[in-house]
PDB file of all heavy atoms in Angstrom:
ATOM      1  N   VAL A   1       2.039   9.907  -3.091  1.00  0.00           N
ATOM      2  CA  VAL A   1       2.516   8.587  -2.699  1.00  0.00           C
ATOM      3  C   VAL A   1       2.130   8.287  -1.251  1.00  0.00           C
ATOM      4  O   VAL A   1       1.746   7.156  -0.918  1.00  0.00           O
ATOM      5  CB  VAL A   1       4.048   8.480  -2.891  1.00  0.00           C
ATOM      6  CG1 VAL A   1       4.605   7.289  -2.132  1.00  0.00           C
ATOM      7  CG2 VAL A   1       4.377   8.346  -4.369  1.00  0.00           C
ATOM      8  N   GLU A   2       2.205   9.276  -0.384  1.00  0.00           N
ATOM      9  CA  GLU A   2       1.817   9.078   1.017  1.00  0.00           C
ATOM     10  C   GLU A   2       0.351   8.674   1.129  1.00  0.00           C
ATOM     11  O   GLU A   2      -0.007   7.776   1.894  1.00  0.00           O
ATOM     12  CB  GLU A   2       2.067  10.368   1.801  1.00  0.00           C
ATOM     13  CG  GLU A   2       1.787  10.237   3.294  1.00  0.00           C
ATOM     14  CD  GLU A   2       2.075  11.509   4.059  1.00  0.00           C
ATOM     15  OE1 GLU A   2       2.700  12.426   3.485  1.00  0.00           O
ATOM     16  OE2 GLU A   2       1.668  11.590   5.232  1.00  0.00           O
ATOM     17  N   LYS A   3      -0.488   9.321   0.327  1.00  0.00           N
ATOM     18  CA  LYS A   3      -1.914   8.963   0.311  1.00  0.00           C
ATOM     19  C   LYS A   3      -2.107   7.547  -0.223  1.00  0.00           C
ATOM     20  O   LYS A   3      -2.930   6.776   0.284  1.00  0.00           O
ATOM     21  CB  LYS A   3      -2.690   9.955  -0.553  1.00  0.00           C
ATOM     22  CG  LYS A   3      -4.160   9.593  -0.746  1.00  0.00           C
ATOM     23  CD  LYS A   3      -4.847  10.584  -1.649  1.00  0.00           C
ATOM     24  CE  LYS A   3      -6.242  10.114  -2.015  1.00  0.00           C
ATOM     25  NZ  LYS A   3      -6.234   8.894  -2.841  1.00  0.00           N
ATOM     26  N   MET A   4      -1.333   7.178  -1.255  1.00  0.00           N
ATOM     27  CA  MET A   4      -1.427   5.835  -1.820  1.00  0.00           C
ATOM     28  C   MET A   4      -1.100   4.767  -0.785  1.00  0.00           C
ATOM     29  O   MET A   4      -1.748   3.720  -0.718  1.00  0.00           O
ATOM     30  CB  MET A   4      -0.478   5.689  -3.011  1.00  0.00           C
ATOM     31  CG  MET A   4      -0.920   6.391  -4.267  1.00  0.00           C
ATOM     32  SD  MET A   4       0.253   6.115  -5.613  1.00  0.00           S
ATOM     33  CE  MET A   4       0.017   4.368  -5.922  1.00  0.00           C
ATOM     34  N   GLU A   5      -0.070   5.025   0.026  1.00  0.00           N
ATOM     35  CA  GLU A   5       0.323   4.060   1.054  1.00  0.00           C
ATOM     36  C   GLU A   5      -0.813   3.851   2.053  1.00  0.00           C
ATOM     37  O   GLU A   5      -1.107   2.726   2.464  1.00  0.00           O
ATOM     38  CB  GLU A   5       1.585   4.543   1.759  1.00  0.00           C
ATOM     39  CG  GLU A   5       2.823   4.487   0.886  1.00  0.00           C
ATOM     40  CD  GLU A   5       4.036   5.132   1.550  1.00  0.00           C
ATOM     41  OE1 GLU A   5       3.826   6.021   2.399  1.00  0.00           O
ATOM     42  OE2 GLU A   5       5.167   4.738   1.226  1.00  0.00           O
ATOM     43  N   GLY A   6      -1.452   4.950   2.446  1.00  0.00           N
ATOM     44  CA  GLY A   6      -2.574   4.847   3.378  1.00  0.00           C
ATOM     45  C   GLY A   6      -3.744   4.104   2.767  1.00  0.00           C
ATOM     46  O   GLY A   6      -4.370   3.255   3.409  1.00  0.00           O
ATOM     47  N   ASP A   7      -4.036   4.407   1.484  1.00  0.00           N
ATOM     48  CA  ASP A   7      -5.150   3.738   0.816  1.00  0.00           C
ATOM     49  C   ASP A   7      -4.876   2.254   0.600  1.00  0.00           C
ATOM     50  O   ASP A   7      -5.801   1.430   0.594  1.00  0.00           O
ATOM     51  CB  ASP A   7      -5.445   4.415  -0.524  1.00  0.00           C
ATOM     52  CG  ASP A   7      -6.252   5.708  -0.362  1.00  0.00           C
ATOM     53  OD1 ASP A   7      -6.591   6.052   0.794  1.00  0.00           O
ATOM     54  OD2 ASP A   7      -6.533   6.368  -1.377  1.00  0.00           O
ATOM     55  N   ALA A   8      -3.590   1.891   0.419  1.00  0.00           N
ATOM     56  CA  ALA A   8      -3.240   0.475   0.270  1.00  0.00           C
ATOM     57  C   ALA A   8      -3.592  -0.287   1.545  1.00  0.00           C
ATOM     58  O   ALA A   8      -4.093  -1.419   1.490  1.00  0.00           O
ATOM     59  CB  ALA A   8      -1.758   0.330  -0.046  1.00  0.00           C
ATOM     60  N   ASP A   9      -3.344   0.338   2.692  1.00  0.00           N
ATOM     61  CA  ASP A   9      -3.703  -0.287   3.969  1.00  0.00           C
ATOM     62  C   ASP A   9      -5.222  -0.401   4.096  1.00  0.00           C
ATOM     63  O   ASP A   9      -5.743  -1.396   4.625  1.00  0.00           O
ATOM     64  CB  ASP A   9      -3.146   0.530   5.133  1.00  0.00           C
ATOM     65  CG  ASP A   9      -1.618   0.490   5.198  1.00  0.00           C
ATOM     66  OD1 ASP A   9      -1.036  -0.474   4.675  1.00  0.00           O
ATOM     67  OD2 ASP A   9      -1.029   1.429   5.766  1.00  0.00           O
ATOM     68  N   LEU A  10      -5.935   0.612   3.591  1.00  0.00           N
ATOM     69  CA  LEU A  10      -7.394   0.592   3.665  1.00  0.00           C
ATOM     70  C   LEU A  10      -7.990  -0.483   2.744  1.00  0.00           C
ATOM     71  O   LEU A  10      -8.976  -1.125   3.098  1.00  0.00           O
ATOM     72  CB  LEU A  10      -7.957   1.967   3.288  1.00  0.00           C
ATOM     73  CG  LEU A  10      -7.700   3.084   4.307  1.00  0.00           C
ATOM     74  CD1 LEU A  10      -8.209   4.411   3.776  1.00  0.00           C
ATOM     75  CD2 LEU A  10      -8.370   2.760   5.639  1.00  0.00           C
ATOM     76  N   VAL A  11      -7.385  -0.662   1.579  1.00  0.00           N
ATOM     77  CA  VAL A  11      -7.843  -1.728   0.673  1.00  0.00           C
ATOM     78  C   VAL A  11      -7.694  -3.083   1.352  1.00  0.00           C
ATOM     79  O   VAL A  11      -8.579  -3.948   1.266  1.00  0.00           O
ATOM     80  CB  VAL A  11      -7.047  -1.698  -0.656  1.00  0.00           C
ATOM     81  CG1 VAL A  11      -7.298  -2.977  -1.468  1.00  0.00           C
ATOM     82  CG2 VAL A  11      -7.431  -0.481  -1.477  1.00  0.00           C
ATOM     83  N   GLU A  12      -6.579  -3.266   2.048  1.00  0.00           N
ATOM     84  CA  GLU A  12      -6.350  -4.516   2.772  1.00  0.00           C
ATOM     85  C   GLU A  12      -7.393  -4.704   3.861  1.00  0.00           C
ATOM     86  O   GLU A  12      -7.930  -5.810   4.048  1.00  0.00           O
ATOM     87  CB  GLU A  12      -4.944  -4.496   3.380  1.00  0.00           C
ATOM     88  CG  GLU A  12      -4.470  -5.847   3.891  1.00  0.00           C
ATOM     89  CD  GLU A  12      -4.290  -6.861   2.792  1.00  0.00           C
ATOM     90  OE1 GLU A  12      -3.928  -6.464   1.664  1.00  0.00           O
ATOM     91  OE2 GLU A  12      -4.516  -8.060   3.046  1.00  0.00           O
ATOM     92  N   ALA A  13      -7.706  -3.624   4.584  1.00  0.00           N
ATOM     93  CA  ALA A  13      -8.708  -3.696   5.655  1.00  0.00           C
ATOM     94  C   ALA A  13     -10.091  -4.027   5.090  1.00  0.00           C
ATOM     95  O   ALA A  13     -10.812  -4.872   5.641  1.00  0.00           O
ATOM     96  CB  ALA A  13      -8.751  -2.372   6.415  1.00  0.00           C
ATOM     97  N   LEU A  14     -10.457  -3.381   3.995  1.00  0.00           N
ATOM     98  CA  LEU A  14     -11.762  -3.636   3.371  1.00  0.00           C
ATOM     99  C   LEU A  14     -11.823  -5.046   2.791  1.00  0.00           C
ATOM    100  O   LEU A  14     -12.871  -5.699   2.818  1.00  0.00           O
ATOM    101  CB  LEU A  14     -12.037  -2.598   2.283  1.00  0.00           C
ATOM    102  CG  LEU A  14     -12.303  -1.178   2.796  1.00  0.00           C
ATOM    103  CD1 LEU A  14     -12.256  -0.178   1.641  1.00  0.00           C
ATOM    104  CD2 LEU A  14     -13.649  -1.108   3.498  1.00  0.00           C
ATOM    105  N   SER A  15     -10.689  -5.520   2.282  1.00  0.00           N
ATOM    106  CA  SER A  15     -10.622  -6.888   1.770  1.00  0.00           C
ATOM    107  C   SER A  15     -10.865  -7.895   2.893  1.00  0.00           C
ATOM    108  O   SER A  15     -11.567  -8.901   2.712  1.00  0.00           O
ATOM    109  CB  SER A  15      -9.260  -7.138   1.121  1.00  0.00           C
ATOM    110  OG  SER A  15      -9.130  -8.480   0.708  1.00  0.00           O
ATOM    111  N   ASN A  16     -10.315  -7.622   4.067  1.00  0.00           N
ATOM    112  CA  ASN A  16     -10.513  -8.493   5.226  1.00  0.00           C
ATOM    113  C   ASN A  16     -11.966  -8.482   5.700  1.00  0.00           C
ATOM    114  O   ASN A  16     -12.416  -9.433   6.353  1.00  0.00           O
ATOM    115  CB  ASN A  16      -9.592  -8.068   6.371  1.00  0.00           C
ATOM    116  CG  ASN A  16      -8.126  -8.350   6.074  1.00  0.00           C
ATOM    117  OD1 ASN A  16      -7.804  -9.228   5.277  1.00  0.00           O
ATOM    118  ND2 ASN A  16      -7.232  -7.590   6.693  1.00  0.00           N
ATOM    119  N   LEU A  17     -12.689  -7.410   5.356  1.00  0.00           N
ATOM    120  CA  LEU A  17     -14.106  -7.315   5.711  1.00  0.00           C
ATOM    121  C   LEU A  17     -15.003  -8.005   4.680  1.00  0.00           C
ATOM    122  O   LEU A  17     -16.223  -8.031   4.830  1.00  0.00           O
ATOM    123  CB  LEU A  17     -14.526  -5.842   5.859  1.00  0.00           C
ATOM    124  CG  LEU A  17     -13.936  -5.095   7.067  1.00  0.00           C
ATOM    125  CD1 LEU A  17     -14.310  -3.623   6.996  1.00  0.00           C
ATOM    126  CD2 LEU A  17     -14.436  -5.711   8.374  1.00  0.00           C
ATOM    127  N   GLY A  18     -14.386  -8.534   3.622  1.00  0.00           N
ATOM    128  CA  GLY A  18     -15.151  -9.299   2.640  1.00  0.00           C
ATOM    129  C   GLY A  18     -15.391  -8.612   1.308  1.00  0.00           C
ATOM    130  O   GLY A  18     -16.023  -9.182   0.418  1.00  0.00           O
ATOM    131  N   TYR A  19     -14.898  -7.381   1.160  1.00  0.00           N
ATOM    132  CA  TYR A  19     -15.073  -6.674  -0.104  1.00  0.00           C
ATOM    133  C   TYR A  19     -13.967  -7.048  -1.081  1.00  0.00           C
ATOM    134  O   TYR A  19     -12.841  -7.323  -0.686  1.00  0.00           O
ATOM    135  CB  TYR A  19     -15.045  -5.151   0.123  1.00  0.00           C
ATOM    136  CG  TYR A  19     -16.208  -4.646   0.945  1.00  0.00           C
ATOM    137  CD1 TYR A  19     -16.045  -4.344   2.297  1.00  0.00           C
ATOM    138  CD2 TYR A  19     -17.464  -4.484   0.374  1.00  0.00           C
ATOM    139  CE1 TYR A  19     -17.113  -3.879   3.058  1.00  0.00           C
ATOM    140  CE2 TYR A  19     -18.534  -4.022   1.131  1.00  0.00           C
ATOM    141  CZ  TYR A  19     -18.353  -3.724   2.477  1.00  0.00           C
ATOM    142  OH  TYR A  19     -19.403  -3.276   3.229  1.00  0.00           O
ATOM    143  N   ARG A  20     -14.311  -7.069  -2.367  1.00  0.00           N
ATOM    144  CA  ARG A  20     -13.299  -7.325  -3.384  1.00  0.00           C
ATOM    145  C   ARG A  20     -12.363  -6.119  -3.481  1.00  0.00           C
ATOM    146  O   ARG A  20     -12.791  -4.982  -3.300  1.00  0.00           O
ATOM    147  CB  ARG A  20     -13.962  -7.594  -4.743  1.00  0.00           C
ATOM    148  CG  ARG A  20     -14.690  -8.918  -4.811  1.00  0.00           C
ATOM    149  CD  ARG A  20     -15.247  -9.189  -6.196  1.00  0.00           C
ATOM    150  NE  ARG A  20     -16.278  -8.239  -6.565  1.00  0.00           N
ATOM    151  CZ  ARG A  20     -16.142  -7.289  -7.481  1.00  0.00           C
ATOM    152  NH1 ARG A  20     -14.984  -7.143  -8.116  1.00  0.00           N
ATOM    153  NH2 ARG A  20     -17.128  -6.476  -7.769  1.00  0.00           N
ATOM    154  N   ARG A  21     -11.102  -6.384  -3.792  1.00  0.00           N
ATOM    155  CA  ARG A  21     -10.122  -5.303  -3.852  1.00  0.00           C
ATOM    156  C   ARG A  21     -10.500  -4.260  -4.900  1.00  0.00           C
ATOM    157  O   ARG A  21     -10.275  -3.062  -4.713  1.00  0.00           O
ATOM    158  CB  ARG A  21      -8.726  -5.859  -4.149  1.00  0.00           C
ATOM    159  CG  ARG A  21      -8.167  -6.699  -3.009  1.00  0.00           C
ATOM    160  CD  ARG A  21      -6.796  -7.258  -3.330  1.00  0.00           C
ATOM    161  NE  ARG A  21      -6.317  -8.103  -2.243  1.00  0.00           N
ATOM    162  CZ  ARG A  21      -5.694  -7.651  -1.164  1.00  0.00           C
ATOM    163  NH1 ARG A  21      -5.446  -6.361  -1.048  1.00  0.00           N
ATOM    164  NH2 ARG A  21      -5.299  -8.474  -0.217  1.00  0.00           N
ATOM    165  N   GLU A  22     -11.083  -4.718  -6.015  1.00  0.00           N
ATOM    166  CA  GLU A  22     -11.458  -3.790  -7.074  1.00  0.00           C
ATOM    167  C   GLU A  22     -12.523  -2.814  -6.597  1.00  0.00           C
ATOM    168  O   GLU A  22     -12.447  -1.607  -6.836  1.00  0.00           O
ATOM    169  CB  GLU A  22     -11.972  -4.549  -8.304  1.00  0.00           C
ATOM    170  CG  GLU A  22     -10.928  -5.364  -9.025  1.00  0.00           C
ATOM    171  CD  GLU A  22     -10.642  -6.701  -8.344  1.00  0.00           C
ATOM    172  OE1 GLU A  22     -11.346  -7.036  -7.359  1.00  0.00           O
ATOM    173  OE2 GLU A  22      -9.720  -7.404  -8.786  1.00  0.00           O
ATOM    174  N   GLU A  23     -13.550  -3.326  -5.881  1.00  0.00           N
ATOM    175  CA  GLU A  23     -14.599  -2.429  -5.416  1.00  0.00           C
ATOM    176  C   GLU A  23     -14.113  -1.574  -4.253  1.00  0.00           C
ATOM    177  O   GLU A  23     -14.570  -0.433  -4.084  1.00  0.00           O
ATOM    178  CB  GLU A  23     -15.858  -3.214  -5.026  1.00  0.00           C
ATOM    179  CG  GLU A  23     -15.692  -4.210  -3.898  1.00  0.00           C
ATOM    180  CD  GLU A  23     -16.984  -4.962  -3.612  1.00  0.00           C
ATOM    181  OE1 GLU A  23     -18.058  -4.547  -4.122  1.00  0.00           O
ATOM    182  OE2 GLU A  23     -16.941  -5.975  -2.880  1.00  0.00           O
ATOM    183  N   ALA A  24     -13.163  -2.086  -3.465  1.00  0.00           N
ATOM    184  CA  ALA A  24     -12.580  -1.286  -2.385  1.00  0.00           C
ATOM    185  C   ALA A  24     -11.818  -0.107  -2.963  1.00  0.00           C
ATOM    186  O   ALA A  24     -11.947   1.030  -2.495  1.00  0.00           O
ATOM    187  CB  ALA A  24     -11.661  -2.153  -1.527  1.00  0.00           C
ATOM    188  N   ARG A  25     -11.011  -0.360  -4.007  1.00  0.00           N
ATOM    189  CA  ARG A  25     -10.264   0.728  -4.648  1.00  0.00           C
ATOM    190  C   ARG A  25     -11.214   1.742  -5.278  1.00  0.00           C
ATOM    191  O   ARG A  25     -10.987   2.956  -5.207  1.00  0.00           O
ATOM    192  CB  ARG A  25      -9.322   0.162  -5.720  1.00  0.00           C
ATOM    193  CG  ARG A  25      -8.167  -0.659  -5.185  1.00  0.00           C
ATOM    194  CD  ARG A  25      -7.146  -0.940  -6.279  1.00  0.00           C
ATOM    195  NE  ARG A  25      -6.134  -1.883  -5.840  1.00  0.00           N
ATOM    196  CZ  ARG A  25      -6.107  -3.167  -6.167  1.00  0.00           C
ATOM    197  NH1 ARG A  25      -7.043  -3.673  -6.957  1.00  0.00           N
ATOM    198  NH2 ARG A  25      -5.156  -3.962  -5.734  1.00  0.00           N
ATOM    199  N   ALA A  26     -12.293   1.235  -5.914  1.00  0.00           N
ATOM    200  CA  ALA A  26     -13.254   2.138  -6.549  1.00  0.00           C
ATOM    201  C   ALA A  26     -13.924   3.034  -5.509  1.00  0.00           C
ATOM    202  O   ALA A  26     -14.120   4.233  -5.737  1.00  0.00           O
ATOM    203  CB  ALA A  26     -14.308   1.331  -7.312  1.00  0.00           C
ATOM    204  N   ALA A  27     -14.265   2.458  -4.356  1.00  0.00           N
ATOM    205  CA  ALA A  27     -14.906   3.238  -3.292  1.00  0.00           C
ATOM    206  C   ALA A  27     -13.949   4.295  -2.745  1.00  0.00           C
ATOM    207  O   ALA A  27     -14.333   5.452  -2.536  1.00  0.00           O
ATOM    208  CB  ALA A  27     -15.366   2.311  -2.171  1.00  0.00           C
ATOM    209  N   LEU A  28     -12.699   3.924  -2.528  1.00  0.00           N
ATOM    210  CA  LEU A  28     -11.712   4.875  -2.016  1.00  0.00           C
ATOM    211  C   LEU A  28     -11.463   5.995  -3.020  1.00  0.00           C
ATOM    212  O   LEU A  28     -11.175   7.140  -2.634  1.00  0.00           O
ATOM    213  CB  LEU A  28     -10.400   4.160  -1.701  1.00  0.00           C
ATOM    214  CG  LEU A  28     -10.422   3.307  -0.430  1.00  0.00           C
ATOM    215  CD1 LEU A  28      -9.192   2.413  -0.370  1.00  0.00           C
ATOM    216  CD2 LEU A  28     -10.486   4.181   0.812  1.00  0.00           C
ATOM    217  N   GLY A  29     -11.603   5.676  -4.309  1.00  0.00           N
ATOM    218  CA  GLY A  29     -11.435   6.696  -5.337  1.00  0.00           C
ATOM    219  C   GLY A  29     -12.522   7.744  -5.300  1.00  0.00           C
ATOM    220  O   GLY A  29     -12.350   8.852  -5.815  1.00  0.00           O
ATOM    221  N   LYS A  30     -13.661   7.406  -4.679  1.00  0.00           N
ATOM    222  CA  LYS A  30     -14.791   8.343  -4.593  1.00  0.00           C
ATOM    223  C   LYS A  30     -14.804   9.129  -3.283  1.00  0.00           C
ATOM    224  O   LYS A  30     -15.610  10.040  -3.111  1.00  0.00           O
ATOM    225  CB  LYS A  30     -16.109   7.582  -4.739  1.00  0.00           C
ATOM    226  CG  LYS A  30     -16.300   6.952  -6.115  1.00  0.00           C
ATOM    227  CD  LYS A  30     -17.613   6.190  -6.190  1.00  0.00           C
ATOM    228  CE  LYS A  30     -17.792   5.553  -7.563  1.00  0.00           C
ATOM    229  NZ  LYS A  30     -19.061   4.779  -7.653  1.00  0.00           N
TER     230      LYS A  30
END
């Protein structure tokens, strides 16, 4: 859960950079 919270913040940051949330989550999964 702690990792999920951090990744949620990263998805938001990547979204602000113009990436779609789906591709941001997929990238973080790798």
